[in-house]
């Protein structure tokens, strides 16, 4: 039973990761510096959480200037938005 549970968890994890947003394949040395990019974003967003997602995106959770909740994925090389979810 324990092996079956582990197999199911592995399958769920791999399905989740395959659905993840793909931002870049560039090596990390080509990425914008995390702290500087976060400061740049703080001019537009109130950031609750800033993190690296799936190993190839920068992601923020927070609020835009209108106070709406946002979840945004950024290409860490160009800084462009790759996916954006805004509360309605």
Protein backbone atom coordinates (compact mmCIF):
# COMPACT_ATOMS: atom_id res chain seq x y z
CA UNK A 1 0.00 0.00 0.00
CA UNK A 2 2.82 2.40 0.88
CA UNK A 3 4.48 1.82 -2.53
CA UNK A 4 1.19 2.45 -4.30
CA UNK A 5 0.69 5.71 -2.40
CA UNK A 6 4.22 6.82 -3.31
CA UNK A 7 3.62 5.92 -6.97
CA UNK A 8 0.41 7.94 -7.03
CA UNK A 9 2.12 10.93 -5.38
CA UNK A 10 4.96 10.75 -7.92
CA UNK A 11 2.45 10.68 -10.79
CA UNK A 12 0.52 13.66 -9.39
CA UNK A 13 3.74 15.63 -8.91
CA UNK A 14 4.90 14.94 -12.46
CA UNK A 15 1.53 15.90 -13.89
CA UNK A 16 1.60 19.14 -11.89
CA UNK A 17 5.10 19.98 -13.07
CA UNK A 18 4.25 19.28 -16.70
CA UNK A 19 1.42 21.81 -16.42
CA UNK A 20 3.80 24.41 -15.01
CA UNK A 21 4.53 27.62 -16.87
CA UNK A 22 7.66 27.54 -19.02
CA UNK A 23 9.47 30.88 -18.89
CA UNK A 24 13.02 30.26 -20.14
CA UNK A 25 15.67 27.66 -20.79
CA UNK A 26 18.48 30.17 -20.30
CA UNK A 27 21.10 29.38 -17.62
CA UNK A 28 20.72 31.29 -14.34
CA UNK A 29 23.80 33.41 -15.01
CA UNK A 30 21.77 35.11 -17.78
CA UNK A 31 18.85 35.92 -15.46
CA UNK A 32 18.12 39.37 -14.02
CA UNK A 33 19.42 39.59 -10.46
CA UNK A 34 16.58 38.54 -8.17
CA UNK A 35 16.79 41.41 -5.67
CA UNK A 36 17.04 44.10 -8.34
CA UNK A 37 14.15 42.64 -10.33
CA UNK A 38 11.98 42.45 -7.21
CA UNK A 39 12.71 46.13 -6.45
CA UNK A 40 11.75 47.01 -10.01
CA UNK A 41 8.43 45.17 -9.62
CA UNK A 42 7.74 46.84 -6.26
CA UNK A 43 7.23 50.10 -8.13
CA UNK A 44 4.10 48.55 -9.68
CA UNK A 45 3.04 45.81 -7.25
CA UNK A 46 2.75 45.27 -3.52
CA UNK A 47 4.49 41.89 -3.28
CA UNK A 48 3.49 39.34 -0.66
CA UNK A 49 5.68 36.55 -2.09
CA UNK A 50 8.46 36.58 -4.69
CA UNK A 51 9.91 33.22 -5.69
CA UNK A 52 11.50 31.11 -8.39
CA UNK A 53 8.94 28.68 -9.80
CA UNK A 54 9.65 25.39 -11.51
CA UNK A 55 13.27 26.38 -11.75
CA UNK A 56 12.71 28.68 -14.72
CA UNK A 57 10.35 31.56 -13.78
CA UNK A 58 10.15 34.39 -11.31
CA UNK A 59 6.69 34.48 -9.75
CA UNK A 60 4.95 37.01 -7.55
CA UNK A 61 1.82 36.92 -5.43
CA UNK A 62 0.49 40.26 -4.27
CA UNK A 63 -1.62 43.22 -5.35
CA UNK A 64 -1.57 45.67 -8.23
CA UNK A 65 -1.99 49.45 -7.83
CA UNK A 66 -5.79 49.06 -7.96
CA UNK A 67 -5.63 46.69 -4.98
CA UNK A 68 -6.54 43.58 -6.98
CA UNK A 69 -4.82 40.30 -6.10
CA UNK A 70 -2.32 39.14 -8.72
CA UNK A 71 -0.31 36.02 -9.48
CA UNK A 72 2.22 36.71 -12.22
CA UNK A 73 4.97 34.63 -13.83
CA UNK A 74 7.90 36.49 -15.40
CA UNK A 75 10.64 35.45 -17.78
CA UNK A 76 13.71 35.96 -15.55
CA UNK A 77 15.92 36.93 -18.50
CA UNK A 78 13.73 39.53 -20.21
CA UNK A 79 11.42 40.45 -17.32
CA UNK A 80 8.38 39.98 -19.58
CA UNK A 81 5.11 38.63 -18.17
CA UNK A 82 4.54 35.05 -19.24
CA UNK A 83 1.28 34.40 -17.40
CA UNK A 84 -0.91 36.69 -15.32
CA UNK A 85 -3.90 36.03 -13.12
CA UNK A 86 -5.74 39.09 -11.74
CA UNK A 87 -8.63 38.99 -9.28
CA UNK A 88 -11.81 40.37 -10.81
